[in-house]
Amino acid sequence: MMIPLFIGGIGGPEIVLIFLLVILLFGADKLPKLARSSGEAMGEFQKGREEVERELKAAKESTVSTKSGSDEASANDVEDIETTTDAVDDDATDKNASLA
């Protein structure tokens, strides 16, 4: 029973077959140029991947700093609400005392 080419991994015979097909398709004289352009493409891909990683990291840091800023604003809002509530409570206590 034959196992399909890419199931179970690529072995030595498969690599030789692929190499022979590449030579037949492109010719031996074009292989160095093909290898060079493949290397350049891999380099460009690597640069693009690194750029995306930098952008994601910057976005993450920006989100974290925005979150901490909003946490501080929320804490200030809570303090303002507590101060207002205390003032209203004191005012209500004074009015109740004057009515009694």
PDB file of N, CA and C in Angstrom:
ATOM      1  N   MET A   1       0.843  -1.178   0.000  1.00  0.00           N
ATOM      2  CA  MET A   1       0.000   0.000   0.000  1.00  0.00           C
ATOM      3  C   MET A   1       0.889   1.241   0.000  1.00  0.00           C
ATOM      4  N   MET A   2       0.605   2.197  -0.880  1.00  0.00           N
ATOM      5  CA  MET A   2       1.386   3.427  -0.982  1.00  0.00           C
ATOM      6  C   MET A   2       0.803   4.498  -0.068  1.00  0.00           C
ATOM      7  N   ILE A   3       1.693   5.216   0.608  1.00  0.00           N
ATOM      8  CA  ILE A   3       1.275   6.347   1.440  1.00  0.00           C
ATOM      9  C   ILE A   3       1.400   7.598   0.580  1.00  0.00           C
ATOM     10  N   PRO A   4       0.372   8.460   0.569  1.00  0.00           N
ATOM     11  CA  PRO A   4       0.471   9.706  -0.203  1.00  0.00           C
ATOM     12  C   PRO A   4       1.707  10.510   0.198  1.00  0.00           C
ATOM     13  N   LEU A   5       2.166  11.342  -0.710  1.00  0.00           N
ATOM     14  CA  LEU A   5       3.449  12.030  -0.592  1.00  0.00           C
ATOM     15  C   LEU A   5       3.630  12.789   0.718  1.00  0.00           C
ATOM     16  N   PHE A   6       2.684  13.635   1.129  1.00  0.00           N
ATOM     17  CA  PHE A   6       2.908  14.512   2.272  1.00  0.00           C
ATOM     18  C   PHE A   6       2.297  14.000   3.566  1.00  0.00           C
ATOM     19  N   ILE A   7       1.753  12.805   3.581  1.00  0.00           N
ATOM     20  CA  ILE A   7       1.221  12.260   4.825  1.00  0.00           C
ATOM     21  C   ILE A   7       2.340  11.502   5.513  1.00  0.00           C
ATOM     22  N   GLY A   8       2.596  11.838   6.763  1.00  0.00           N
ATOM     23  CA  GLY A   8       3.655  11.172   7.501  1.00  0.00           C
ATOM     24  C   GLY A   8       4.993  11.882   7.401  1.00  0.00           C
ATOM     25  N   GLY A   9       5.057  13.034   6.803  1.00  0.00           N
ATOM     26  CA  GLY A   9       6.290  13.798   6.720  1.00  0.00           C
ATOM     27  C   GLY A   9       6.997  13.597   5.393  1.00  0.00           C
ATOM     28  N   ILE A  10       7.970  14.446   5.145  1.00  0.00           N
ATOM     29  CA  ILE A  10       8.743  14.373   3.906  1.00  0.00           C
ATOM     30  C   ILE A  10      10.058  13.675   4.218  1.00  0.00           C
ATOM     31  N   GLY A  11      10.348  12.628   3.485  1.00  0.00           N
ATOM     32  CA  GLY A  11      11.589  11.882   3.664  1.00  0.00           C
ATOM     33  C   GLY A  11      12.591  12.220   2.583  1.00  0.00           C
ATOM     34  N   GLY A  12      13.692  11.500   2.586  1.00  0.00           N
ATOM     35  CA  GLY A  12      14.754  11.717   1.614  1.00  0.00           C
ATOM     36  C   GLY A  12      14.322  11.535   0.173  1.00  0.00           C
ATOM     37  N   PRO A  13      13.610  10.442  -0.156  1.00  0.00           N
ATOM     38  CA  PRO A  13      13.196  10.256  -1.551  1.00  0.00           C
ATOM     39  C   PRO A  13      12.276  11.373  -2.055  1.00  0.00           C
ATOM     40  N   GLU A  14      11.416  11.867  -1.187  1.00  0.00           N
ATOM     41  CA  GLU A  14      10.512  12.946  -1.602  1.00  0.00           C
ATOM     42  C   GLU A  14      11.279  14.235  -1.886  1.00  0.00           C
ATOM     43  N   ILE A  15      12.291  14.519  -1.066  1.00  0.00           N
ATOM     44  CA  ILE A  15      13.092  15.725  -1.281  1.00  0.00           C
ATOM     45  C   ILE A  15      13.849  15.630  -2.600  1.00  0.00           C
ATOM     46  N   VAL A  16      14.404  14.467  -2.896  1.00  0.00           N
ATOM     47  CA  VAL A  16      15.116  14.270  -4.166  1.00  0.00           C
ATOM     48  C   VAL A  16      14.156  14.455  -5.333  1.00  0.00           C
ATOM     49  N   LEU A  17      12.959  13.904  -5.223  1.00  0.00           N
ATOM     50  CA  LEU A  17      11.962  14.046  -6.283  1.00  0.00           C
ATOM     51  C   LEU A  17      11.591  15.512  -6.498  1.00  0.00           C
ATOM     52  N   ILE A  18      11.384  16.240  -5.422  1.00  0.00           N
ATOM     53  CA  ILE A  18      11.054  17.669  -5.539  1.00  0.00           C
ATOM     54  C   ILE A  18      12.209  18.420  -6.189  1.00  0.00           C
ATOM     55  N   PHE A  19      13.437  18.130  -5.784  1.00  0.00           N
ATOM     56  CA  PHE A  19      14.602  18.788  -6.359  1.00  0.00           C
ATOM     57  C   PHE A  19      14.707  18.512  -7.859  1.00  0.00           C
ATOM     58  N   LEU A  20      14.478  17.267  -8.262  1.00  0.00           N
ATOM     59  CA  LEU A  20      14.519  16.928  -9.689  1.00  0.00           C
ATOM     60  C   LEU A  20      13.416  17.652 -10.464  1.00  0.00           C
ATOM     61  N   LEU A  21      12.237  17.755  -9.889  1.00  0.00           N
ATOM     62  CA  LEU A  21      11.146  18.484 -10.552  1.00  0.00           C
ATOM     63  C   LEU A  21      11.486  19.960 -10.722  1.00  0.00           C
ATOM     64  N   VAL A  22      12.108  20.550  -9.710  1.00  0.00           N
ATOM     65  CA  VAL A  22      12.507  21.956  -9.801  1.00  0.00           C
ATOM     66  C   VAL A  22      13.535  22.137 -10.910  1.00  0.00           C
ATOM     67  N   ILE A  23      14.492  21.227 -11.008  1.00  0.00           N
ATOM     68  CA  ILE A  23      15.499  21.317 -12.073  1.00  0.00           C
ATOM     69  C   ILE A  23      14.835  21.189 -13.440  1.00  0.00           C
ATOM     70  N   LEU A  24      13.888  20.271 -13.566  1.00  0.00           N
ATOM     71  CA  LEU A  24      13.198  20.106 -14.849  1.00  0.00           C
ATOM     72  C   LEU A  24      12.372  21.330 -15.208  1.00  0.00           C
ATOM     73  N   LEU A  25      11.705  21.917 -14.231  1.00  0.00           N
ATOM     74  CA  LEU A  25      10.842  23.067 -14.512  1.00  0.00           C
ATOM     75  C   LEU A  25      11.632  24.332 -14.826  1.00  0.00           C
ATOM     76  N   PHE A  26      12.678  24.596 -14.054  1.00  0.00           N
ATOM     77  CA  PHE A  26      13.370  25.876 -14.181  1.00  0.00           C
ATOM     78  C   PHE A  26      14.704  25.776 -14.909  1.00  0.00           C
ATOM     79  N   GLY A  27      15.267  24.617 -14.991  1.00  0.00           N
ATOM     80  CA  GLY A  27      16.567  24.470 -15.637  1.00  0.00           C
ATOM     81  C   GLY A  27      17.685  24.748 -14.651  1.00  0.00           C
ATOM     82  N   ALA A  28      18.823  24.103 -14.883  1.00  0.00           N
ATOM     83  CA  ALA A  28      19.956  24.215 -13.959  1.00  0.00           C
ATOM     84  C   ALA A  28      20.536  25.622 -13.934  1.00  0.00           C
ATOM     85  N   ASP A  29      20.463  26.347 -15.056  1.00  0.00           N
ATOM     86  CA  ASP A  29      21.051  27.685 -15.100  1.00  0.00           C
ATOM     87  C   ASP A  29      20.230  28.708 -14.320  1.00  0.00           C
ATOM     88  N   LYS A  30      18.951  28.453 -14.087  1.00  0.00           N
ATOM     89  CA  LYS A  30      18.105  29.405 -13.361  1.00  0.00           C
ATOM     90  C   LYS A  30      18.022  29.107 -11.863  1.00  0.00           C
ATOM     91  N   LEU A  31      18.580  27.988 -11.418  1.00  0.00           N
ATOM     92  CA  LEU A  31      18.492  27.624  -9.999  1.00  0.00           C
ATOM     93  C   LEU A  31      19.138  28.651  -9.065  1.00  0.00           C
ATOM     94  N   PRO A  32      20.342  29.168  -9.358  1.00  0.00           N
ATOM     95  CA  PRO A  32      20.909  30.174  -8.443  1.00  0.00           C
ATOM     96  C   PRO A  32      20.033  31.423  -8.323  1.00  0.00           C
ATOM     97  N   LYS A  33      19.500  31.873  -9.459  1.00  0.00           N
ATOM     98  CA  LYS A  33      18.626  33.047  -9.430  1.00  0.00           C
ATOM     99  C   LYS A  33      17.353  32.738  -8.640  1.00  0.00           C
ATOM    100  N   LEU A  34      16.806  31.545  -8.823  1.00  0.00           N
ATOM    101  CA  LEU A  34      15.607  31.133  -8.094  1.00  0.00           C
ATOM    102  C   LEU A  34      15.886  31.064  -6.593  1.00  0.00           C
ATOM    103  N   ALA A  35      17.035  30.511  -6.219  1.00  0.00           N
ATOM    104  CA  ALA A  35      17.396  30.418  -4.801  1.00  0.00           C
ATOM    105  C   ALA A  35      17.587  31.810  -4.200  1.00  0.00           C
ATOM    106  N   ARG A  36      18.229  32.707  -4.952  1.00  0.00           N
ATOM    107  CA  ARG A  36      18.451  34.067  -4.476  1.00  0.00           C
ATOM    108  C   ARG A  36      17.131  34.795  -4.267  1.00  0.00           C
ATOM    109  N   SER A  37      16.229  34.691  -5.243  1.00  0.00           N
ATOM    110  CA  SER A  37      14.941  35.377  -5.107  1.00  0.00           C
ATOM    111  C   SER A  37      14.100  34.759  -3.991  1.00  0.00           C
ATOM    112  N   SER A  38      14.228  33.454  -3.795  1.00  0.00           N
ATOM    113  CA  SER A  38      13.521  32.812  -2.676  1.00  0.00           C
ATOM    114  C   SER A  38      14.057  33.318  -1.343  1.00  0.00           C
ATOM    115  N   GLY A  39      15.364  33.464  -1.251  1.00  0.00           N
ATOM    116  CA  GLY A  39      15.971  33.999  -0.028  1.00  0.00           C
ATOM    117  C   GLY A  39      15.543  35.427   0.242  1.00  0.00           C
ATOM    118  N   GLU A  40      15.497  36.246  -0.814  1.00  0.00           N
ATOM    119  CA  GLU A  40      15.045  37.628  -0.655  1.00  0.00           C
ATOM    120  C   GLU A  40      13.587  37.681  -0.213  1.00  0.00           C
ATOM    121  N   ALA A  41      12.768  36.806  -0.786  1.00  0.00           N
ATOM    122  CA  ALA A  41      11.355  36.763  -0.397  1.00  0.00           C
ATOM    123  C   ALA A  41      11.208  36.360   1.065  1.00  0.00           C
ATOM    124  N   MET A  42      12.016  35.396   1.504  1.00  0.00           N
ATOM    125  CA  MET A  42      11.968  34.989   2.910  1.00  0.00           C
ATOM    126  C   MET A  42      12.404  36.137   3.821  1.00  0.00           C
ATOM    127  N   GLY A  43      13.410  36.894   3.383  1.00  0.00           N
ATOM    128  CA  GLY A  43      13.856  38.054   4.165  1.00  0.00           C
ATOM    129  C   GLY A  43      12.764  39.103   4.284  1.00  0.00           C
ATOM    130  N   GLU A  44      12.083  39.390   3.186  1.00  0.00           N
ATOM    131  CA  GLU A  44      10.983  40.355   3.213  1.00  0.00           C
ATOM    132  C   GLU A  44       9.845  39.863   4.103  1.00  0.00           C
ATOM    133  N   PHE A  45       9.565  38.585   4.021  1.00  0.00           N
ATOM    134  CA  PHE A  45       8.526  38.009   4.876  1.00  0.00           C
ATOM    135  C   PHE A  45       8.904  38.164   6.348  1.00  0.00           C
ATOM    136  N   GLN A  46      10.171  37.910   6.672  1.00  0.00           N
ATOM    137  CA  GLN A  46      10.655  38.037   8.050  1.00  0.00           C
ATOM    138  C   GLN A  46      10.524  39.485   8.529  1.00  0.00           C
ATOM    139  N   LYS A  47      10.903  40.453   7.677  1.00  0.00           N
ATOM    140  CA  LYS A  47      10.780  41.866   8.049  1.00  0.00           C
ATOM    141  C   LYS A  47       9.324  42.241   8.302  1.00  0.00           C
ATOM    142  N   GLY A  48       8.429  41.772   7.439  1.00  0.00           N
ATOM    143  CA  GLY A  48       7.006  42.053   7.621  1.00  0.00           C
ATOM    144  C   GLY A  48       6.473  41.459   8.909  1.00  0.00           C
ATOM    145  N   ARG A  49       6.897  40.243   9.226  1.00  0.00           N
ATOM    146  CA  ARG A  49       6.456  39.592  10.462  1.00  0.00           C
ATOM    147  C   ARG A  49       6.942  40.367  11.681  1.00  0.00           C
ATOM    148  N   GLU A  50       8.204  40.801  11.656  1.00  0.00           N
ATOM    149  CA  GLU A  50       8.757  41.561  12.779  1.00  0.00           C
ATOM    150  C   GLU A  50       8.034  42.897  12.939  1.00  0.00           C
ATOM    151  N   GLU A  51       7.682  43.538  11.817  1.00  0.00           N
ATOM    152  CA  GLU A  51       6.959  44.808  11.883  1.00  0.00           C
ATOM    153  C   GLU A  51       5.581  44.620  12.519  1.00  0.00           C
ATOM    154  N   VAL A  52       4.898  43.565  12.137  1.00  0.00           N
ATOM    155  CA  VAL A  52       3.587  43.283  12.721  1.00  0.00           C
ATOM    156  C   VAL A  52       3.724  43.012  14.215  1.00  0.00           C
ATOM    157  N   GLU A  53       4.757  42.273  14.608  1.00  0.00           N
ATOM    158  CA  GLU A  53       4.984  41.999  16.032  1.00  0.00           C
ATOM    159  C   GLU A  53       5.228  43.291  16.801  1.00  0.00           C
ATOM    160  N   ARG A  54       6.025  44.221  16.221  1.00  0.00           N
ATOM    161  CA  ARG A  54       6.278  45.507  16.884  1.00  0.00           C
ATOM    162  C   ARG A  54       4.985  46.301  17.038  1.00  0.00           C
ATOM    163  N   GLU A  55       4.160  46.323  15.982  1.00  0.00           N
ATOM    164  CA  GLU A  55       2.899  47.064  16.047  1.00  0.00           C
ATOM    165  C   GLU A  55       1.961  46.474  17.098  1.00  0.00           C
ATOM    166  N   LEU A  56       1.900  45.150  17.171  1.00  0.00           N
ATOM    167  CA  LEU A  56       1.049  44.511  18.177  1.00  0.00           C
ATOM    168  C   LEU A  56       1.547  44.806  19.587  1.00  0.00           C
ATOM    169  N   LYS A  57       2.862  44.796  19.764  1.00  0.00           N
ATOM    170  CA  LYS A  57       3.425  45.092  21.086  1.00  0.00           C
ATOM    171  C   LYS A  57       3.129  46.539  21.475  1.00  0.00           C
ATOM    172  N   ALA A  58       3.275  47.475  20.526  1.00  0.00           N
ATOM    173  CA  ALA A  58       2.980  48.879  20.811  1.00  0.00           C
ATOM    174  C   ALA A  58       1.504  49.070  21.136  1.00  0.00           C
ATOM    175  N   ALA A  59       0.630  48.380  20.408  1.00  0.00           N
ATOM    176  CA  ALA A  59      -0.803  48.485  20.681  1.00  0.00           C
ATOM    177  C   ALA A  59      -1.130  47.926  22.056  1.00  0.00           C
ATOM    178  N   LYS A  60      -0.471  46.841  22.430  1.00  0.00           N
ATOM    179  CA  LYS A  60      -0.696  46.244  23.753  1.00  0.00           C
ATOM    180  C   LYS A  60      -0.250  47.205  24.846  1.00  0.00           C
ATOM    181  N   GLU A  61       0.930  47.808  24.691  1.00  0.00           N
ATOM    182  CA  GLU A  61       1.425  48.756  25.688  1.00  0.00           C
ATOM    183  C   GLU A  61       0.518  49.978  25.772  1.00  0.00           C
ATOM    184  N   SER A  62       0.029  50.445  24.637  1.00  0.00           N
ATOM    185  CA  SER A  62      -0.883  51.584  24.617  1.00  0.00           C
ATOM    186  C   SER A  62      -2.177  51.254  25.344  1.00  0.00           C
ATOM    187  N   THR A  63      -2.681  50.051  25.134  1.00  0.00           N
ATOM    188  CA  THR A  63      -3.914  49.626  25.793  1.00  0.00           C
ATOM    189  C   THR A  63      -3.714  49.537  27.297  1.00  0.00           C
ATOM    190  N   VAL A  64      -2.571  49.017  27.728  1.00  0.00           N
ATOM    191  CA  VAL A  64      -2.288  48.891  29.160  1.00  0.00           C
ATOM    192  C   VAL A  64      -2.192  50.267  29.800  1.00  0.00           C
ATOM    193  N   SER A  65      -1.509  51.225  29.148  1.00  0.00           N
ATOM    194  CA  SER A  65      -1.380  52.565  29.724  1.00  0.00           C
ATOM    195  C   SER A  65      -2.728  53.276  29.746  1.00  0.00           C
ATOM    196  N   THR A  66      -3.557  53.079  28.736  1.00  0.00           N
ATOM    197  CA  THR A  66      -4.892  53.678  28.720  1.00  0.00           C
ATOM    198  C   THR A  66      -5.742  53.097  29.831  1.00  0.00           C
ATOM    199  N   LYS A  67      -5.623  51.793  30.053  1.00  0.00           N
ATOM    200  CA  LYS A  67      -6.398  51.139  31.107  1.00  0.00           C
ATOM    201  C   LYS A  67      -6.003  51.673  32.470  1.00  0.00           C
ATOM    202  N   SER A  68      -4.692  51.827  32.726  1.00  0.00           N
ATOM    203  CA  SER A  68      -4.267  52.332  34.030  1.00  0.00           C
ATOM    204  C   SER A  68      -4.717  53.771  34.219  1.00  0.00           C
ATOM    205  N   GLY A  69      -4.716  54.558  33.146  1.00  0.00           N
ATOM    206  CA  GLY A  69      -5.215  55.930  33.228  1.00  0.00           C
ATOM    207  C   GLY A  69      -6.699  55.969  33.525  1.00  0.00           C
ATOM    208  N   SER A  70      -7.458  55.075  32.928  1.00  0.00           N
ATOM    209  CA  SER A  70      -8.896  55.043  33.184  1.00  0.00           C
ATOM    210  C   SER A  70      -9.178  54.526  34.584  1.00  0.00           C
ATOM    211  N   ASP A  71      -8.324  53.640  35.120  1.00  0.00           N
ATOM    212  CA  ASP A  71      -8.480  53.175  36.501  1.00  0.00           C
ATOM    213  C   ASP A  71      -8.280  54.326  37.475  1.00  0.00           C
ATOM    214  N   GLU A  72      -7.288  55.190  37.211  1.00  0.00           N
ATOM    215  CA  GLU A  72      -7.060  56.349  38.068  1.00  0.00           C
ATOM    216  C   GLU A  72      -8.244  57.304  38.002  1.00  0.00           C
ATOM    217  N   ALA A  73      -8.780  57.519  36.800  1.00  0.00           N
ATOM    218  CA  ALA A  73      -9.936  58.397  36.649  1.00  0.00           C
ATOM    219  C   ALA A  73     -11.137  57.820  37.384  1.00  0.00           C
ATOM    220  N   SER A  74     -11.317  56.520  37.326  1.00  0.00           N
ATOM    221  CA  SER A  74     -12.423  55.874  38.036  1.00  0.00           C
ATOM    222  C   SER A  74     -12.263  56.040  39.539  1.00  0.00           C
ATOM    223  N   ALA A  75     -11.041  55.912  40.034  1.00  0.00           N
ATOM    224  CA  ALA A  75     -10.793  56.088  41.468  1.00  0.00           C
ATOM    225  C   ALA A  75     -11.115  57.515  41.889  1.00  0.00           C
ATOM    226  N   ASN A  76     -10.754  58.500  41.060  1.00  0.00           N
ATOM    227  CA  ASN A  76     -11.077  59.895  41.363  1.00  0.00           C
ATOM    228  C   ASN A  76     -12.584  60.116  41.353  1.00  0.00           C
ATOM    229  N   ASP A  77     -13.281  59.501  40.414  1.00  0.00           N
ATOM    230  CA  ASP A  77     -14.736  59.624  40.358  1.00  0.00           C
ATOM    231  C   ASP A  77     -15.380  59.044  41.606  1.00  0.00           C
ATOM    232  N   VAL A  78     -14.870  57.911  42.068  1.00  0.00           N
ATOM    233  CA  VAL A  78     -15.413  57.285  43.283  1.00  0.00           C
ATOM    234  C   VAL A  78     -15.203  58.205  44.476  1.00  0.00           C
ATOM    235  N   GLU A  79     -14.028  58.819  44.573  1.00  0.00           N
ATOM    236  CA  GLU A  79     -13.766  59.751  45.676  1.00  0.00           C
ATOM    237  C   GLU A  79     -14.723  60.935  45.619  1.00  0.00           C
ATOM    238  N   ASP A  80     -14.965  61.479  44.416  1.00  0.00           N
ATOM    239  CA  ASP A  80     -15.895  62.599  44.269  1.00  0.00           C
ATOM    240  C   ASP A  80     -17.301  62.199  44.698  1.00  0.00           C
ATOM    241  N   ILE A  81     -17.722  61.016  44.320  1.00  0.00           N
ATOM    242  CA  ILE A  81     -19.062  60.542  44.685  1.00  0.00           C
ATOM    243  C   ILE A  81     -19.161  60.363  46.196  1.00  0.00           C
ATOM    244  N   GLU A  82     -18.117  59.804  46.809  1.00  0.00           N
ATOM    245  CA  GLU A  82     -18.135  59.626  48.262  1.00  0.00           C
ATOM    246  C   GLU A  82     -18.191  60.970  48.979  1.00  0.00           C
ATOM    247  N   THR A  83     -17.433  61.950  48.494  1.00  0.00           N
ATOM    248  CA  THR A  83     -17.442  63.281  49.101  1.00  0.00           C
ATOM    249  C   THR A  83     -18.828  63.906  48.992  1.00  0.00           C
ATOM    250  N   THR A  84     -19.430  63.818  47.814  1.00  0.00           N
ATOM    251  CA  THR A  84     -20.770  64.374  47.607  1.00  0.00           C
ATOM    252  C   THR A  84     -21.793  63.662  48.479  1.00  0.00           C
ATOM    253  N   THR A  85     -21.691  62.352  48.561  1.00  0.00           N
ATOM    254  CA  THR A  85     -22.623  61.577  49.384  1.00  0.00           C
ATOM    255  C   THR A  85     -22.487  61.958  50.854  1.00  0.00           C
ATOM    256  N   ASP A  86     -21.261  62.122  51.332  1.00  0.00           N
ATOM    257  CA  ASP A  86     -21.043  62.527  52.724  1.00  0.00           C
ATOM    258  C   ASP A  86     -21.635  63.912  52.982  1.00  0.00           C
ATOM    259  N   ALA A  87     -21.452  64.837  52.028  1.00  0.00           N
ATOM    260  CA  ALA A  87     -21.993  66.189  52.196  1.00  0.00           C
ATOM    261  C   ALA A  87     -23.514  66.158  52.242  1.00  0.00           C
ATOM    262  N   VAL A  88     -24.134  65.386  51.373  1.00  0.00           N
ATOM    263  CA  VAL A  88     -25.598  65.279  51.364  1.00  0.00           C
ATOM    264  C   VAL A  88     -26.079  64.634  52.657  1.00  0.00           C
ATOM    265  N   ASP A  89     -25.381  63.609  53.120  1.00  0.00           N
ATOM    266  CA  ASP A  89     -25.756  62.930  54.362  1.00  0.00           C
ATOM    267  C   ASP A  89     -25.659  63.887  55.551  1.00  0.00           C
ATOM    268  N   ASP A  90     -24.572  64.678  55.607  1.00  0.00           N
ATOM    269  CA  ASP A  90     -24.425  65.657  56.693  1.00  0.00           C
ATOM    270  C   ASP A  90     -25.533  66.701  56.639  1.00  0.00           C
ATOM    271  N   ASP A  91     -25.862  67.165  55.435  1.00  0.00           N
ATOM    272  CA  ASP A  91     -26.924  68.161  55.266  1.00  0.00           C
ATOM    273  C   ASP A  91     -28.266  67.590  55.710  1.00  0.00           C
ATOM    274  N   ALA A  92     -28.534  66.350  55.353  1.00  0.00           N
ATOM    275  CA  ALA A  92     -29.796  65.718  55.750  1.00  0.00           C
ATOM    276  C   ALA A  92     -29.845  65.531  57.258  1.00  0.00           C
ATOM    277  N   THR A  93     -28.732  65.179  57.874  1.00  0.00           N
ATOM    278  CA  THR A  93     -28.687  65.014  59.332  1.00  0.00           C
ATOM    279  C   THR A  93     -28.952  66.348  60.023  1.00  0.00           C
ATOM    280  N   ASP A  94     -28.368  67.431  59.503  1.00  0.00           N
ATOM    281  CA  ASP A  94     -28.590  68.761  60.081  1.00  0.00           C
ATOM    282  C   ASP A  94     -30.060  69.161  59.970  1.00  0.00           C
ATOM    283  N   LYS A  95     -30.684  68.906  58.838  1.00  0.00           N
ATOM    284  CA  LYS A  95     -32.094  69.272  58.643  1.00  0.00           C
ATOM    285  C   LYS A  95     -32.988  68.457  59.565  1.00  0.00           C
ATOM    286  N   ASN A  96     -32.680  67.158  59.729  1.00  0.00           N
ATOM    287  CA  ASN A  96     -33.471  66.317  60.633  1.00  0.00           C
ATOM    288  C   ASN A  96     -33.317  66.790  62.075  1.00  0.00           C
ATOM    289  N   ALA A  97     -32.112  67.223  62.449  1.00  0.00           N
ATOM    290  CA  ALA A  97     -31.882  67.705  63.812  1.00  0.00           C
ATOM    291  C   ALA A  97     -32.639  69.003  64.052  1.00  0.00           C
ATOM    292  N   SER A  98     -32.713  69.877  63.040  1.00  0.00           N
ATOM    293  CA  SER A  98     -33.423  71.146  63.213  1.00  0.00           C
ATOM    294  C   SER A  98     -34.930  70.936  63.261  1.00  0.00           C
ATOM    295  N   LEU A  99     -35.458  69.878  62.646  1.00  0.00           N
ATOM    296  CA  LEU A  99     -36.890  69.587  62.687  1.00  0.00           C
ATOM    297  C   LEU A  99     -37.289  68.969  64.021  1.00  0.00           C
ATOM    298  N   ALA A 100     -36.409  68.324  64.691  1.00  0.00           N
ATOM    299  CA  ALA A 100     -36.766  67.644  65.940  1.00  0.00           C
ATOM    300  C   ALA A 100     -36.774  68.541  67.120  1.00  0.00           C
TER     301      ALA A 100
END
